[in-house]
Amino acid sequence: MADYRVLLVDDEEELVSTLVERLSYRGFKARYSADGPGALKMLREDNFDVVVIDCRLPGMSGEELTQTIVAAYPNLPILMVTGHGAGELAAGKKPAGVYDFLLKPIELTDLVEKMKEAIKANELNEK
């Protein structure tokens, strides 16, 4: 498997730092940011194959961050995560630019599978 580069954006730092570690055991090169501005800075400085964004973030919501990323990096696959099941996600409607969404608590195998799906779908769209 290729070393996929993943950016996780979630303010639950203990959870996300554990995910980074667990993903590294599965061949992913993962980094994380606790907020939207930090994630945007990381995107400017590095290349990622997929971004996983929590819906609720301090300062800038997950949907606002998604809109900003889609505008600047239209081919970057995005997954959204929620622990609240509210709004568009509860209705099963994906925000524009989002490949799919997952509900917390996230099963690592489900996250890995969805990330691979999103990356492969993006690769097919670029051909």
C-alpha atoms as a PDB file:
ATOM      1  CA  MET A   1       0.000   0.000   0.000  1.00  0.00           C
ATOM      2  CA  ALA A   2       1.148   3.505  -0.728  1.00  0.00           C
ATOM      3  CA  ASP A   3       1.912   5.777   2.191  1.00  0.00           C
ATOM      4  CA  TYR A   4      -1.200   7.923   2.096  1.00  0.00           C
ATOM      5  CA  ARG A   5      -0.933  11.342   3.716  1.00  0.00           C
ATOM      6  CA  VAL A   6      -3.880  12.185   5.967  1.00  0.00           C
ATOM      7  CA  LEU A   7      -4.810  15.420   7.718  1.00  0.00           C
ATOM      8  CA  LEU A   8      -7.131  14.959  10.695  1.00  0.00           C
ATOM      9  CA  VAL A   9      -8.899  18.057  12.027  1.00  0.00           C
ATOM     10  CA  ASP A  10     -10.501  17.623  15.440  1.00  0.00           C
ATOM     11  CA  ASP A  11     -10.301  19.565  18.705  1.00  0.00           C
ATOM     12  CA  GLU A  12     -10.348  16.366  20.790  1.00  0.00           C
ATOM     13  CA  GLU A  13      -6.556  16.222  20.841  1.00  0.00           C
ATOM     14  CA  GLU A  14      -6.231  13.037  22.878  1.00  0.00           C
ATOM     15  CA  LEU A  15      -8.496  11.173  20.447  1.00  0.00           C
ATOM     16  CA  VAL A  16      -6.899  12.542  17.307  1.00  0.00           C
ATOM     17  CA  SER A  17      -3.311  12.035  18.488  1.00  0.00           C
ATOM     18  CA  THR A  18      -4.193   8.401  19.211  1.00  0.00           C
ATOM     19  CA  LEU A  19      -5.700   8.088  15.730  1.00  0.00           C
ATOM     20  CA  VAL A  20      -2.503   9.489  14.188  1.00  0.00           C
ATOM     21  CA  GLU A  21      -0.495   6.817  15.988  1.00  0.00           C
ATOM     22  CA  ARG A  22      -2.870   3.995  15.080  1.00  0.00           C
ATOM     23  CA  LEU A  23      -3.004   5.080  11.444  1.00  0.00           C
ATOM     24  CA  SER A  24       0.794   5.046  11.251  1.00  0.00           C
ATOM     25  CA  TYR A  25       0.688   1.312  12.053  1.00  0.00           C
ATOM     26  CA  ARG A  26      -1.538   0.887   8.997  1.00  0.00           C
ATOM     27  CA  GLY A  27       0.818   2.671   6.613  1.00  0.00           C
ATOM     28  CA  PHE A  28      -0.730   6.144   6.722  1.00  0.00           C
ATOM     29  CA  LYS A  29       1.305   9.276   7.304  1.00  0.00           C
ATOM     30  CA  ALA A  30      -1.115  11.240   9.450  1.00  0.00           C
ATOM     31  CA  ARG A  31      -0.911  14.690  10.993  1.00  0.00           C
ATOM     32  CA  TYR A  32      -3.525  16.634  12.878  1.00  0.00           C
ATOM     33  CA  SER A  33      -4.736  20.099  13.691  1.00  0.00           C
ATOM     34  CA  ALA A  34      -7.082  21.083  16.516  1.00  0.00           C
ATOM     35  CA  ASP A  35      -8.719  23.906  14.509  1.00  0.00           C
ATOM     36  CA  GLY A  36      -9.507  25.241  11.039  1.00  0.00           C
ATOM     37  CA  PRO A  37      -6.798  27.915  10.758  1.00  0.00           C
ATOM     38  CA  GLY A  38      -4.153  25.395  11.793  1.00  0.00           C
ATOM     39  CA  ALA A  39      -5.453  22.913   9.214  1.00  0.00           C
ATOM     40  CA  LEU A  40      -5.339  25.540   6.443  1.00  0.00           C
ATOM     41  CA  LYS A  41      -1.748  26.384   7.383  1.00  0.00           C
ATOM     42  CA  MET A  42      -0.805  22.701   7.193  1.00  0.00           C
ATOM     43  CA  LEU A  43      -2.503  22.372   3.798  1.00  0.00           C
ATOM     44  CA  ARG A  44      -0.447  25.298   2.462  1.00  0.00           C
ATOM     45  CA  GLU A  45       2.767  23.722   3.735  1.00  0.00           C
ATOM     46  CA  ASP A  46       2.250  20.070   2.823  1.00  0.00           C
ATOM     47  CA  ASN A  47       0.387  17.776   0.425  1.00  0.00           C
ATOM     48  CA  PHE A  48      -2.307  15.440   1.683  1.00  0.00           C
ATOM     49  CA  ASP A  49      -4.302  12.664  -0.004  1.00  0.00           C
ATOM     50  CA  VAL A  50      -7.381  13.045   2.200  1.00  0.00           C
ATOM     51  CA  VAL A  51      -8.687  15.305   4.968  1.00  0.00           C
ATOM     52  CA  VAL A  52     -10.913  14.136   7.827  1.00  0.00           C
ATOM     53  CA  ILE A  53     -12.778  17.006   9.516  1.00  0.00           C
ATOM     54  CA  ASP A  54     -14.895  17.056  12.658  1.00  0.00           C
ATOM     55  CA  CYS A  55     -18.102  19.035  12.179  1.00  0.00           C
ATOM     56  CA  ARG A  56     -17.690  20.953  15.418  1.00  0.00           C
ATOM     57  CA  LEU A  57     -14.481  22.907  15.704  1.00  0.00           C
ATOM     58  CA  PRO A  58     -13.614  25.994  17.741  1.00  0.00           C
ATOM     59  CA  GLY A  59     -13.803  29.288  15.854  1.00  0.00           C
ATOM     60  CA  MET A  60     -14.401  27.895  12.371  1.00  0.00           C
ATOM     61  CA  SER A  61     -16.976  25.137  11.920  1.00  0.00           C
ATOM     62  CA  GLY A  62     -16.192  21.970  10.051  1.00  0.00           C
ATOM     63  CA  GLU A  63     -18.524  23.044   7.250  1.00  0.00           C
ATOM     64  CA  GLU A  64     -16.801  26.439   6.943  1.00  0.00           C
ATOM     65  CA  LEU A  65     -13.430  24.710   6.823  1.00  0.00           C
ATOM     66  CA  THR A  66     -14.758  22.294   4.213  1.00  0.00           C
ATOM     67  CA  GLN A  67     -16.001  25.148   2.021  1.00  0.00           C
ATOM     68  CA  THR A  68     -12.601  26.861   2.254  1.00  0.00           C
ATOM     69  CA  ILE A  69     -10.741  23.666   1.394  1.00  0.00           C
ATOM     70  CA  VAL A  70     -13.050  22.836  -1.521  1.00  0.00           C
ATOM     71  CA  ALA A  71     -12.504  26.322  -2.970  1.00  0.00           C
ATOM     72  CA  ALA A  72      -8.703  26.164  -2.630  1.00  0.00           C
ATOM     73  CA  TYR A  73      -8.128  22.427  -3.221  1.00  0.00           C
ATOM     74  CA  PRO A  74     -11.088  21.182  -5.272  1.00  0.00           C
ATOM     75  CA  ASN A  75      -9.581  17.729  -5.895  1.00  0.00           C
ATOM     76  CA  LEU A  76      -8.760  16.946  -2.273  1.00  0.00           C
ATOM     77  CA  PRO A  77     -11.134  14.323  -0.854  1.00  0.00           C
ATOM     78  CA  ILE A  78     -12.812  15.227   2.429  1.00  0.00           C
ATOM     79  CA  LEU A  79     -14.513  13.053   5.022  1.00  0.00           C
ATOM     80  CA  MET A  80     -16.549  14.601   7.817  1.00  0.00           C
ATOM     81  CA  VAL A  81     -17.036  13.217  11.299  1.00  0.00           C
ATOM     82  CA  THR A  82     -19.721  14.080  13.816  1.00  0.00           C
ATOM     83  CA  GLY A  83     -20.544  12.966  17.293  1.00  0.00           C
ATOM     84  CA  HIS A  84     -23.774  14.927  17.284  1.00  0.00           C
ATOM     85  CA  GLY A  85     -25.703  13.638  14.269  1.00  0.00           C
ATOM     86  CA  ALA A  86     -27.306  17.035  13.741  1.00  0.00           C
ATOM     87  CA  GLY A  87     -28.130  19.152  10.744  1.00  0.00           C
ATOM     88  CA  GLU A  88     -27.397  17.943   7.222  1.00  0.00           C
ATOM     89  CA  LEU A  89     -25.504  14.934   8.508  1.00  0.00           C
ATOM     90  CA  ALA A  90     -28.496  13.574  10.412  1.00  0.00           C
ATOM     91  CA  ALA A  91     -30.591  13.935   7.278  1.00  0.00           C
ATOM     92  CA  GLY A  92     -27.977  12.034   5.298  1.00  0.00           C
ATOM     93  CA  LYS A  93     -27.080  15.029   3.137  1.00  0.00           C
ATOM     94  CA  LYS A  94     -23.389  15.508   2.508  1.00  0.00           C
ATOM     95  CA  PRO A  95     -22.147  19.094   2.381  1.00  0.00           C
ATOM     96  CA  ALA A  96     -20.736  20.084  -1.022  1.00  0.00           C
ATOM     97  CA  GLY A  97     -17.288  18.643  -1.569  1.00  0.00           C
ATOM     98  CA  VAL A  98     -17.572  15.939   1.090  1.00  0.00           C
ATOM     99  CA  TYR A  99     -17.009  12.366  -0.056  1.00  0.00           C
ATOM    100  CA  ASP A 100     -18.728  10.825   2.962  1.00  0.00           C
ATOM    101  CA  PHE A 101     -19.241  11.211   6.686  1.00  0.00           C
ATOM    102  CA  LEU A 102     -18.794   9.018   9.729  1.00  0.00           C
ATOM    103  CA  LEU A 103     -20.381   9.069  13.167  1.00  0.00           C
ATOM    104  CA  LYS A 104     -18.329   9.051  16.355  1.00  0.00           C
ATOM    105  CA  PRO A 105     -17.121   6.921  17.917  1.00  0.00           C
ATOM    106  CA  ILE A 106     -15.132   6.056  14.802  1.00  0.00           C
ATOM    107  CA  GLU A 107     -14.069   2.492  14.232  1.00  0.00           C
ATOM    108  CA  LEU A 108     -10.518   2.553  12.884  1.00  0.00           C
ATOM    109  CA  THR A 109     -11.279  -0.059  10.233  1.00  0.00           C
ATOM    110  CA  ASP A 110     -14.244   2.004   8.986  1.00  0.00           C
ATOM    111  CA  LEU A 111     -12.143   5.168   8.864  1.00  0.00           C
ATOM    112  CA  VAL A 112      -9.335   3.429   6.972  1.00  0.00           C
ATOM    113  CA  GLU A 113     -11.796   1.938   4.480  1.00  0.00           C
ATOM    114  CA  LYS A 114     -13.557   5.266   3.862  1.00  0.00           C
ATOM    115  CA  MET A 115     -10.238   7.087   3.428  1.00  0.00           C
ATOM    116  CA  LYS A 116      -9.058   4.512   0.883  1.00  0.00           C
ATOM    117  CA  GLU A 117     -12.390   4.747  -0.963  1.00  0.00           C
ATOM    118  CA  ALA A 118     -12.197   8.542  -1.091  1.00  0.00           C
ATOM    119  CA  ILE A 119      -8.596   8.528  -2.325  1.00  0.00           C
ATOM    120  CA  LYS A 120      -9.316   5.922  -5.006  1.00  0.00           C
ATOM    121  CA  ALA A 121     -12.460   7.746  -6.158  1.00  0.00           C
ATOM    122  CA  ASN A 122     -10.451  10.962  -6.413  1.00  0.00           C
ATOM    123  CA  GLU A 123      -7.725   9.209  -8.425  1.00  0.00           C
ATOM    124  CA  LEU A 124     -10.341   7.874 -10.846  1.00  0.00           C
ATOM    125  CA  ASN A 125     -11.862  11.359 -11.261  1.00  0.00           C
ATOM    126  CA  GLU A 126      -8.461  12.861 -12.095  1.00  0.00           C
ATOM    127  CA  LYS A 127      -7.894  10.455 -15.020  1.00  0.00           C
END
